[in-house]
Amino acid sequence: MEISDKNVVKQLKKKNEKALQYLIDTYGGLVKHIVYKYLYKYPQEREECINDVFWVVWDKISAFDPKKNSLKKIGLPQSLPTKRLIISVRS
């Protein structure tokens, strides 16, 4: 099955690893840019934070209701990395 913006949430809920790879391929560059922008002083935290962003999506996707929101509307990937960054820097 071809993964697209239209079916990625459904496929993530089915724990289709190709859907996770689609997210990484589609949003990975932007997530990395945001993380590097805020964690430039913390190079050891960067990769962990990037991984955390996608792990949270994978782990919490069952609570996501596509009828109420879209991934883009809730700010993935813009808001989630910022939240993970705050946690990383405070830890």
PDB file of N, CA and C in Angstrom:
ATOM      1  N   MET A   1       0.838  -1.186   0.000  1.00  0.00           N
ATOM      2  CA  MET A   1       0.000   0.000   0.000  1.00  0.00           C
ATOM      3  C   MET A   1       0.879   1.244   0.000  1.00  0.00           C
ATOM      4  N   GLU A   2       0.507   2.178  -0.817  1.00  0.00           N
ATOM      5  CA  GLU A   2       1.202   3.463  -0.907  1.00  0.00           C
ATOM      6  C   GLU A   2       0.763   4.356   0.256  1.00  0.00           C
ATOM      7  N   ILE A   3       1.717   4.879   0.996  1.00  0.00           N
ATOM      8  CA  ILE A   3       1.420   5.773   2.113  1.00  0.00           C
ATOM      9  C   ILE A   3       1.406   7.205   1.592  1.00  0.00           C
ATOM     10  N   SER A   4       0.411   7.974   2.042  1.00  0.00           N
ATOM     11  CA  SER A   4       0.299   9.378   1.645  1.00  0.00           C
ATOM     12  C   SER A   4      -0.234  10.176   2.831  1.00  0.00           C
ATOM     13  N   ASP A   5      -0.303  11.487   2.666  1.00  0.00           N
ATOM     14  CA  ASP A   5      -0.867  12.332   3.724  1.00  0.00           C
ATOM     15  C   ASP A   5      -2.302  11.923   4.052  1.00  0.00           C
ATOM     16  N   LYS A   6      -3.000  11.390   3.071  1.00  0.00           N
ATOM     17  CA  LYS A   6      -4.406  11.030   3.273  1.00  0.00           C
ATOM     18  C   LYS A   6      -4.592   9.778   4.128  1.00  0.00           C
ATOM     19  N   ASN A   7      -3.625   8.867   4.104  1.00  0.00           N
ATOM     20  CA  ASN A   7      -3.821   7.621   4.846  1.00  0.00           C
ATOM     21  C   ASN A   7      -2.760   7.357   5.914  1.00  0.00           C
ATOM     22  N   VAL A   8      -1.874   8.297   6.132  1.00  0.00           N
ATOM     23  CA  VAL A   8      -0.769   8.057   7.063  1.00  0.00           C
ATOM     24  C   VAL A   8      -1.261   7.821   8.491  1.00  0.00           C
ATOM     25  N   VAL A   9      -2.252   8.562   8.941  1.00  0.00           N
ATOM     26  CA  VAL A   9      -2.751   8.383  10.308  1.00  0.00           C
ATOM     27  C   VAL A   9      -3.367   6.993  10.463  1.00  0.00           C
ATOM     28  N   LYS A  10      -4.182   6.614   9.517  1.00  0.00           N
ATOM     29  CA  LYS A  10      -4.812   5.290   9.565  1.00  0.00           C
ATOM     30  C   LYS A  10      -3.750   4.192   9.597  1.00  0.00           C
ATOM     31  N   GLN A  11      -2.726   4.351   8.789  1.00  0.00           N
ATOM     32  CA  GLN A  11      -1.668   3.350   8.735  1.00  0.00           C
ATOM     33  C   GLN A  11      -0.807   3.362  10.003  1.00  0.00           C
ATOM     34  N   LEU A  12      -0.584   4.533  10.569  1.00  0.00           N
ATOM     35  CA  LEU A  12       0.153   4.603  11.837  1.00  0.00           C
ATOM     36  C   LEU A  12      -0.625   3.902  12.943  1.00  0.00           C
ATOM     37  N   LYS A  13      -1.936   4.080  12.947  1.00  0.00           N
ATOM     38  CA  LYS A  13      -2.761   3.418  13.956  1.00  0.00           C
ATOM     39  C   LYS A  13      -2.710   1.901  13.814  1.00  0.00           C
ATOM     40  N   LYS A  14      -2.471   1.429  12.604  1.00  0.00           N
ATOM     41  CA  LYS A  14      -2.316  -0.009  12.366  1.00  0.00           C
ATOM     42  C   LYS A  14      -0.881  -0.465  12.651  1.00  0.00           C
ATOM     43  N   LYS A  15      -0.051   0.481  13.090  1.00  0.00           N
ATOM     44  CA  LYS A  15       1.368   0.233  13.386  1.00  0.00           C
ATOM     45  C   LYS A  15       2.135  -0.235  12.149  1.00  0.00           C
ATOM     46  N   ASN A  16       1.780   0.354  11.026  1.00  0.00           N
ATOM     47  CA  ASN A  16       2.475   0.093   9.771  1.00  0.00           C
ATOM     48  C   ASN A  16       3.787   0.881   9.786  1.00  0.00           C
ATOM     49  N   GLU A  17       4.894   0.181   9.819  1.00  0.00           N
ATOM     50  CA  GLU A  17       6.200   0.839   9.889  1.00  0.00           C
ATOM     51  C   GLU A  17       6.488   1.685   8.652  1.00  0.00           C
ATOM     52  N   LYS A  18       5.868   1.349   7.539  1.00  0.00           N
ATOM     53  CA  LYS A  18       6.044   2.165   6.329  1.00  0.00           C
ATOM     54  C   LYS A  18       5.446   3.559   6.531  1.00  0.00           C
ATOM     55  N   ALA A  19       4.400   3.654   7.333  1.00  0.00           N
ATOM     56  CA  ALA A  19       3.796   4.955   7.628  1.00  0.00           C
ATOM     57  C   ALA A  19       4.744   5.800   8.478  1.00  0.00           C
ATOM     58  N   LEU A  20       5.396   5.160   9.421  1.00  0.00           N
ATOM     59  CA  LEU A  20       6.385   5.882  10.232  1.00  0.00           C
ATOM     60  C   LEU A  20       7.535   6.351   9.350  1.00  0.00           C
ATOM     61  N   GLN A  21       7.977   5.501   8.462  1.00  0.00           N
ATOM     62  CA  GLN A  21       9.052   5.890   7.544  1.00  0.00           C
ATOM     63  C   GLN A  21       8.606   7.047   6.650  1.00  0.00           C
ATOM     64  N   TYR A  22       7.347   7.025   6.238  1.00  0.00           N
ATOM     65  CA  TYR A  22       6.797   8.129   5.438  1.00  0.00           C
ATOM     66  C   TYR A  22       6.882   9.440   6.225  1.00  0.00           C
ATOM     67  N   LEU A  23       6.499   9.399   7.501  1.00  0.00           N
ATOM     68  CA  LEU A  23       6.585  10.607   8.333  1.00  0.00           C
ATOM     69  C   LEU A  23       8.018  11.100   8.439  1.00  0.00           C
ATOM     70  N   ILE A  24       8.923  10.177   8.669  1.00  0.00           N
ATOM     71  CA  ILE A  24      10.332  10.551   8.791  1.00  0.00           C
ATOM     72  C   ILE A  24      10.836  11.149   7.484  1.00  0.00           C
ATOM     73  N   ASP A  25      10.502  10.512   6.374  1.00  0.00           N
ATOM     74  CA  ASP A  25      10.939  11.017   5.068  1.00  0.00           C
ATOM     75  C   ASP A  25      10.313  12.371   4.748  1.00  0.00           C
ATOM     76  N   THR A  26       9.046  12.533   5.105  1.00  0.00           N
ATOM     77  CA  THR A  26       8.315  13.752   4.763  1.00  0.00           C
ATOM     78  C   THR A  26       8.640  14.913   5.697  1.00  0.00           C
ATOM     79  N   TYR A  27       8.699  14.632   6.992  1.00  0.00           N
ATOM     80  CA  TYR A  27       8.862  15.692   7.984  1.00  0.00           C
ATOM     81  C   TYR A  27      10.223  15.696   8.679  1.00  0.00           C
ATOM     82  N   GLY A  28      11.032  14.705   8.409  1.00  0.00           N
ATOM     83  CA  GLY A  28      12.317  14.590   9.096  1.00  0.00           C
ATOM     84  C   GLY A  28      13.217  15.804   8.939  1.00  0.00           C
ATOM     85  N   GLY A  29      13.279  16.341   7.737  1.00  0.00           N
ATOM     86  CA  GLY A  29      14.120  17.515   7.503  1.00  0.00           C
ATOM     87  C   GLY A  29      13.665  18.718   8.305  1.00  0.00           C
ATOM     88  N   LEU A  30      12.375  18.923   8.351  1.00  0.00           N
ATOM     89  CA  LEU A  30      11.839  20.055   9.108  1.00  0.00           C
ATOM     90  C   LEU A  30      12.033  19.850  10.607  1.00  0.00           C
ATOM     91  N   VAL A  31      11.776  18.644  11.082  1.00  0.00           N
ATOM     92  CA  VAL A  31      11.990  18.347  12.503  1.00  0.00           C
ATOM     93  C   VAL A  31      13.459  18.574  12.860  1.00  0.00           C
ATOM     94  N   LYS A  32      14.345  18.077  12.021  1.00  0.00           N
ATOM     95  CA  LYS A  32      15.782  18.250  12.268  1.00  0.00           C
ATOM     96  C   LYS A  32      16.148  19.734  12.301  1.00  0.00           C
ATOM     97  N   HIS A  33      15.608  20.493  11.380  1.00  0.00           N
ATOM     98  CA  HIS A  33      15.890  21.932  11.340  1.00  0.00           C
ATOM     99  C   HIS A  33      15.450  22.615  12.638  1.00  0.00           C
ATOM    100  N   ILE A  34      14.256  22.297  13.092  1.00  0.00           N
ATOM    101  CA  ILE A  34      13.740  22.905  14.324  1.00  0.00           C
ATOM    102  C   ILE A  34      14.590  22.493  15.519  1.00  0.00           C
ATOM    103  N   VAL A  35      14.897  21.216  15.606  1.00  0.00           N
ATOM    104  CA  VAL A  35      15.702  20.719  16.726  1.00  0.00           C
ATOM    105  C   VAL A  35      17.083  21.364  16.727  1.00  0.00           C
ATOM    106  N   TYR A  36      17.730  21.399  15.578  1.00  0.00           N
ATOM    107  CA  TYR A  36      19.072  21.988  15.512  1.00  0.00           C
ATOM    108  C   TYR A  36      19.044  23.478  15.824  1.00  0.00           C
ATOM    109  N   LYS A  37      17.969  24.139  15.450  1.00  0.00           N
ATOM    110  CA  LYS A  37      17.844  25.571  15.724  1.00  0.00           C
ATOM    111  C   LYS A  37      17.861  25.846  17.229  1.00  0.00           C
ATOM    112  N   TYR A  38      17.169  25.021  17.988  1.00  0.00           N
ATOM    113  CA  TYR A  38      17.056  25.253  19.422  1.00  0.00           C
ATOM    114  C   TYR A  38      18.106  24.525  20.256  1.00  0.00           C
ATOM    115  N   LEU A  39      18.653  23.464  19.724  1.00  0.00           N
ATOM    116  CA  LEU A  39      19.635  22.692  20.494  1.00  0.00           C
ATOM    117  C   LEU A  39      21.053  22.867  19.955  1.00  0.00           C
ATOM    118  N   TYR A  40      21.341  24.000  19.374  1.00  0.00           N
ATOM    119  CA  TYR A  40      22.676  24.204  18.824  1.00  0.00           C
ATOM    120  C   TYR A  40      23.751  24.129  19.908  1.00  0.00           C
ATOM    121  N   LYS A  41      23.392  24.427  21.147  1.00  0.00           N
ATOM    122  CA  LYS A  41      24.353  24.342  22.252  1.00  0.00           C
ATOM    123  C   LYS A  41      24.416  22.938  22.860  1.00  0.00           C
ATOM    124  N   TYR A  42      23.526  22.068  22.427  1.00  0.00           N
ATOM    125  CA  TYR A  42      23.427  20.730  23.020  1.00  0.00           C
ATOM    126  C   TYR A  42      23.487  19.651  21.942  1.00  0.00           C
ATOM    127  N   PRO A  43      24.621  19.504  21.286  1.00  0.00           N
ATOM    128  CA  PRO A  43      24.692  18.543  20.180  1.00  0.00           C
ATOM    129  C   PRO A  43      24.395  17.108  20.602  1.00  0.00           C
ATOM    130  N   GLN A  44      24.698  16.759  21.839  1.00  0.00           N
ATOM    131  CA  GLN A  44      24.453  15.400  22.310  1.00  0.00           C
ATOM    132  C   GLN A  44      22.958  15.104  22.454  1.00  0.00           C
ATOM    133  N   GLU A  45      22.136  16.129  22.519  1.00  0.00           N
ATOM    134  CA  GLU A  45      20.693  15.955  22.693  1.00  0.00           C
ATOM    135  C   GLU A  45      19.920  15.924  21.377  1.00  0.00           C
ATOM    136  N   ARG A  46      20.530  16.353  20.303  1.00  0.00           N
ATOM    137  CA  ARG A  46      19.806  16.540  19.039  1.00  0.00           C
ATOM    138  C   ARG A  46      19.152  15.268  18.519  1.00  0.00           C
ATOM    139  N   GLU A  47      19.943  14.241  18.301  1.00  0.00           N
ATOM    140  CA  GLU A  47      19.398  13.013  17.708  1.00  0.00           C
ATOM    141  C   GLU A  47      18.351  12.375  18.609  1.00  0.00           C
ATOM    142  N   GLU A  48      18.594  12.413  19.903  1.00  0.00           N
ATOM    143  CA  GLU A  48      17.622  11.849  20.837  1.00  0.00           C
ATOM    144  C   GLU A  48      16.295  12.601  20.753  1.00  0.00           C
ATOM    145  N   CYS A  49      16.369  13.900  20.647  1.00  0.00           N
ATOM    146  CA  CYS A  49      15.159  14.709  20.552  1.00  0.00           C
ATOM    147  C   CYS A  49      14.408  14.412  19.253  1.00  0.00           C
ATOM    148  N   ILE A  50      15.125  14.309  18.155  1.00  0.00           N
ATOM    149  CA  ILE A  50      14.498  13.985  16.871  1.00  0.00           C
ATOM    150  C   ILE A  50      13.810  12.624  16.964  1.00  0.00           C
ATOM    151  N   ASN A  51      14.502  11.658  17.520  1.00  0.00           N
ATOM    152  CA  ASN A  51      13.908  10.330  17.681  1.00  0.00           C
ATOM    153  C   ASN A  51      12.684  10.376  18.586  1.00  0.00           C
ATOM    154  N   ASP A  52      12.760  11.177  19.641  1.00  0.00           N
ATOM    155  CA  ASP A  52      11.627  11.306  20.564  1.00  0.00           C
ATOM    156  C   ASP A  52      10.380  11.836  19.863  1.00  0.00           C
ATOM    157  N   VAL A  53      10.570  12.780  18.967  1.00  0.00           N
ATOM    158  CA  VAL A  53       9.430  13.355  18.247  1.00  0.00           C
ATOM    159  C   VAL A  53       8.666  12.256  17.516  1.00  0.00           C
ATOM    160  N   PHE A  54       9.389  11.446  16.770  1.00  0.00           N
ATOM    161  CA  PHE A  54       8.719  10.407  15.995  1.00  0.00           C
ATOM    162  C   PHE A  54       8.232   9.260  16.882  1.00  0.00           C
ATOM    163  N   TRP A  55       8.936   9.004  17.970  1.00  0.00           N
ATOM    164  CA  TRP A  55       8.484   7.974  18.903  1.00  0.00           C
ATOM    165  C   TRP A  55       7.145   8.371  19.535  1.00  0.00           C
ATOM    166  N   VAL A  56       7.012   9.632  19.914  1.00  0.00           N
ATOM    167  CA  VAL A  56       5.764  10.099  20.521  1.00  0.00           C
ATOM    168  C   VAL A  56       4.606   9.950  19.529  1.00  0.00           C
ATOM    169  N   VAL A  57       4.835  10.299  18.293  1.00  0.00           N
ATOM    170  CA  VAL A  57       3.791  10.131  17.278  1.00  0.00           C
ATOM    171  C   VAL A  57       3.412   8.653  17.177  1.00  0.00           C
ATOM    172  N   TRP A  58       4.401   7.795  17.063  1.00  0.00           N
ATOM    173  CA  TRP A  58       4.167   6.349  16.936  1.00  0.00           C
ATOM    174  C   TRP A  58       3.419   5.805  18.157  1.00  0.00           C
ATOM    175  N   ASP A  59       3.849   6.227  19.321  1.00  0.00           N
ATOM    176  CA  ASP A  59       3.301   5.705  20.568  1.00  0.00           C
ATOM    177  C   ASP A  59       1.906   6.246  20.887  1.00  0.00           C
ATOM    178  N   LYS A  60       1.641   7.492  20.546  1.00  0.00           N
ATOM    179  CA  LYS A  60       0.394   8.153  20.951  1.00  0.00           C
ATOM    180  C   LYS A  60      -0.618   8.316  19.820  1.00  0.00           C
ATOM    181  N   ILE A  61      -0.347   7.754  18.667  1.00  0.00           N
ATOM    182  CA  ILE A  61      -1.224   7.964  17.514  1.00  0.00           C
ATOM    183  C   ILE A  61      -2.637   7.439  17.764  1.00  0.00           C
ATOM    184  N   SER A  62      -2.794   6.468  18.624  1.00  0.00           N
ATOM    185  CA  SER A  62      -4.133   5.918  18.875  1.00  0.00           C
ATOM    186  C   SER A  62      -5.076   6.962  19.472  1.00  0.00           C
ATOM    187  N   ALA A  63      -4.541   7.955  20.148  1.00  0.00           N
ATOM    188  CA  ALA A  63      -5.370   9.009  20.747  1.00  0.00           C
ATOM    189  C   ALA A  63      -5.716  10.112  19.752  1.00  0.00           C
ATOM    190  N   PHE A  64      -5.109  10.073  18.598  1.00  0.00           N
ATOM    191  CA  PHE A  64      -5.328  11.114  17.592  1.00  0.00           C
ATOM    192  C   PHE A  64      -6.632  10.857  16.843  1.00  0.00           C
ATOM    193  N   ASP A  65      -7.457  11.888  16.724  1.00  0.00           N
ATOM    194  CA  ASP A  65      -8.729  11.779  16.009  1.00  0.00           C
ATOM    195  C   ASP A  65      -8.650  12.605  14.728  1.00  0.00           C
ATOM    196  N   PRO A  66      -8.497  11.948  13.582  1.00  0.00           N
ATOM    197  CA  PRO A  66      -8.369  12.695  12.328  1.00  0.00           C
ATOM    198  C   PRO A  66      -9.632  13.460  11.936  1.00  0.00           C
ATOM    199  N   LYS A  67     -10.760  13.132  12.555  1.00  0.00           N
ATOM    200  CA  LYS A  67     -11.990  13.876  12.272  1.00  0.00           C
ATOM    201  C   LYS A  67     -11.963  15.258  12.925  1.00  0.00           C
ATOM    202  N   LYS A  68     -11.180  15.383  13.986  1.00  0.00           N
ATOM    203  CA  LYS A  68     -11.087  16.657  14.699  1.00  0.00           C
ATOM    204  C   LYS A  68      -9.897  17.493  14.246  1.00  0.00           C
ATOM    205  N   ASN A  69      -8.840  16.838  13.800  1.00  0.00           N
ATOM    206  CA  ASN A  69      -7.606  17.537  13.430  1.00  0.00           C
ATOM    207  C   ASN A  69      -6.885  16.809  12.313  1.00  0.00           C
ATOM    208  N   SER A  70      -5.897  17.478  11.783  1.00  0.00           N
ATOM    209  CA  SER A  70      -4.959  16.837  10.868  1.00  0.00           C
ATOM    210  C   SER A  70      -3.581  16.984  11.489  1.00  0.00           C
ATOM    211  N   LEU A  71      -2.638  16.176  11.041  1.00  0.00           N
ATOM    212  CA  LEU A  71      -1.283  16.291  11.586  1.00  0.00           C
ATOM    213  C   LEU A  71      -0.731  17.692  11.371  1.00  0.00           C
ATOM    214  N   LYS A  72      -1.000  18.253  10.219  1.00  0.00           N
ATOM    215  CA  LYS A  72      -0.496  19.596   9.936  1.00  0.00           C
ATOM    216  C   LYS A  72      -1.199  20.637  10.802  1.00  0.00           C
ATOM    217  N   LYS A  73      -2.502  20.457  11.026  1.00  0.00           N
ATOM    218  CA  LYS A  73      -3.268  21.431  11.798  1.00  0.00           C
ATOM    219  C   LYS A  73      -2.830  21.468  13.261  1.00  0.00           C
ATOM    220  N   ILE A  74      -2.459  20.321  13.822  1.00  0.00           N
ATOM    221  CA  ILE A  74      -2.035  20.317  15.222  1.00  0.00           C
ATOM    222  C   ILE A  74      -0.578  20.727  15.386  1.00  0.00           C
ATOM    223  N   GLY A  75       0.089  20.949  14.276  1.00  0.00           N
ATOM    224  CA  GLY A  75       1.444  21.462  14.379  1.00  0.00           C
ATOM    225  C   GLY A  75       2.532  20.426  14.267  1.00  0.00           C
ATOM    226  N   LEU A  76       2.209  19.240  13.817  1.00  0.00           N
ATOM    227  CA  LEU A  76       3.296  18.320  13.530  1.00  0.00           C
ATOM    228  C   LEU A  76       3.820  18.717  12.173  1.00  0.00           C
ATOM    229  N   PRO A  77       5.049  18.973  12.055  1.00  0.00           N
ATOM    230  CA  PRO A  77       6.098  18.725  13.027  1.00  0.00           C
ATOM    231  C   PRO A  77       6.556  19.953  13.793  1.00  0.00           C
ATOM    232  N   GLN A  78       5.893  21.084  13.657  1.00  0.00           N
ATOM    233  CA  GLN A  78       6.404  22.309  14.269  1.00  0.00           C
ATOM    234  C   GLN A  78       6.301  22.326  15.786  1.00  0.00           C
ATOM    235  N   SER A  79       5.171  21.961  16.368  1.00  0.00           N
ATOM    236  CA  SER A  79       5.008  22.117  17.813  1.00  0.00           C
ATOM    237  C   SER A  79       5.618  20.985  18.614  1.00  0.00           C
ATOM    238  N   LEU A  80       5.510  19.771  18.131  1.00  0.00           N
ATOM    239  CA  LEU A  80       6.009  18.634  18.898  1.00  0.00           C
ATOM    240  C   LEU A  80       7.511  18.713  19.155  1.00  0.00           C
ATOM    241  N   PRO A  81       8.329  19.035  18.158  1.00  0.00           N
ATOM    242  CA  PRO A  81       9.754  19.155  18.472  1.00  0.00           C
ATOM    243  C   PRO A  81      10.031  20.215  19.523  1.00  0.00           C
ATOM    244  N   THR A  82       9.307  21.309  19.479  1.00  0.00           N
ATOM    245  CA  THR A  82       9.528  22.374  20.454  1.00  0.00           C
ATOM    246  C   THR A  82       9.226  21.878  21.860  1.00  0.00           C
ATOM    247  N   LYS A  83       8.144  21.135  22.020  1.00  0.00           N
ATOM    248  CA  LYS A  83       7.807  20.586  23.331  1.00  0.00           C
ATOM    249  C   LYS A  83       8.875  19.603  23.796  1.00  0.00           C
ATOM    250  N   ARG A  84       9.351  18.754  22.898  1.00  0.00           N
ATOM    251  CA  ARG A  84      10.390  17.787  23.255  1.00  0.00           C
ATOM    252  C   ARG A  84      11.697  18.509  23.575  1.00  0.00           C
ATOM    253  N   LEU A  85      11.964  19.609  22.887  1.00  0.00           N
ATOM    254  CA  LEU A  85      13.177  20.388  23.148  1.00  0.00           C
ATOM    255  C   LEU A  85      13.172  20.937  24.564  1.00  0.00           C
ATOM    256  N   ILE A  86      12.046  21.455  24.972  1.00  0.00           N
ATOM    257  CA  ILE A  86      11.937  22.015  26.319  1.00  0.00           C
ATOM    258  C   ILE A  86      12.220  20.933  27.352  1.00  0.00           C
ATOM    259  N   ILE A  87      11.664  19.764  27.139  1.00  0.00           N
ATOM    260  CA  ILE A  87      11.899  18.647  28.057  1.00  0.00           C
ATOM    261  C   ILE A  87      13.378  18.265  28.057  1.00  0.00           C
ATOM    262  N   SER A  88      13.987  18.197  26.875  1.00  0.00           N
ATOM    263  CA  SER A  88      15.396  17.807  26.769  1.00  0.00           C
ATOM    264  C   SER A  88      16.312  18.785  27.480  1.00  0.00           C
ATOM    265  N   VAL A  89      16.075  20.056  27.274  1.00  0.00           N
ATOM    266  CA  VAL A  89      16.949  21.077  27.860  1.00  0.00           C
ATOM    267  C   VAL A  89      16.772  21.133  29.375  1.00  0.00           C
ATOM    268  N   ARG A  90      15.565  20.928  29.855  1.00  0.00           N
ATOM    269  CA  ARG A  90      15.314  20.982  31.297  1.00  0.00           C
ATOM    270  C   ARG A  90      15.820  19.750  32.027  1.00  0.00           C
ATOM    271  N   SER A  91      15.976  18.645  31.330  1.00  0.00           N
ATOM    272  CA  SER A  91      16.404  17.392  31.985  1.00  0.00           C
ATOM    273  C   SER A  91      17.848  17.440  32.412  1.00  0.00           C
TER     274      SER A  91
END
